[in-house]
Amino acid sequence: MTRTAQKLDQKSRWAESVKRYKGWNKAAVALANKHASISMN
């Protein structure tokens, strides 16, 4: 989460958006859930 501000890919931009509106902790959990759902498919 600390390097997403420097990246321009779609997932990093999404994570920055969540971090801005929900806070760092909720953004980290949301990103972990996103990764888990991707790996389960």
Protein backbone atom coordinates (compact mmCIF):
# COMPACT_ATOMS: atom_id res chain seq x y z
CA MET A 1 0.00 0.00 0.00
CA THR A 2 2.92 2.35 0.46
CA ARG A 3 3.96 2.23 -3.19
CA THR A 4 0.60 2.38 -4.91
CA ALA A 5 0.80 6.17 -5.23
CA GLN A 6 3.77 5.84 -7.62
CA LYS A 7 2.18 3.19 -9.83
CA LEU A 8 -0.25 3.79 -12.66
CA ASP A 9 -1.79 0.36 -13.17
CA GLN A 10 -5.51 -0.11 -12.61
CA LYS A 11 -5.25 -2.07 -9.36
CA SER A 12 -2.93 0.52 -7.80
CA ARG A 13 -5.22 3.36 -8.80
CA TRP A 14 -8.17 1.45 -7.31
CA ALA A 15 -6.24 0.87 -4.07
CA GLU A 16 -5.33 4.56 -3.85
CA SER A 17 -8.97 5.49 -4.31
CA VAL A 18 -10.07 3.13 -1.52
CA LYS A 19 -7.26 4.39 0.71
CA ARG A 20 -8.28 8.00 0.14
CA TYR A 21 -11.96 7.43 1.00
CA LYS A 22 -11.85 4.62 3.55
CA GLY A 23 -8.40 4.83 5.15
CA TRP A 24 -5.23 2.78 5.01
CA ASN A 25 -6.39 -0.22 7.06
CA LYS A 26 -9.64 -0.75 5.16
CA ALA A 27 -7.80 -0.35 1.86
CA ALA A 28 -5.27 -3.01 2.86
CA VAL A 29 -8.07 -5.44 3.78
CA ALA A 30 -9.95 -4.66 0.56
CA LEU A 31 -6.83 -5.32 -1.51
CA ALA A 32 -6.18 -8.59 0.34
CA ASN A 33 -9.79 -9.66 -0.32
CA LYS A 34 -9.43 -8.73 -3.98
CA HIS A 35 -6.27 -10.84 -4.26
CA ALA A 36 -7.93 -13.75 -2.48
CA SER A 37 -10.96 -13.68 -4.76
CA ILE A 38 -8.73 -13.56 -7.85
CA SER A 39 -6.63 -16.52 -6.69
CA MET A 40 -9.73 -18.60 -5.88
CA ASN A 41 -11.07 -18.36 -9.44
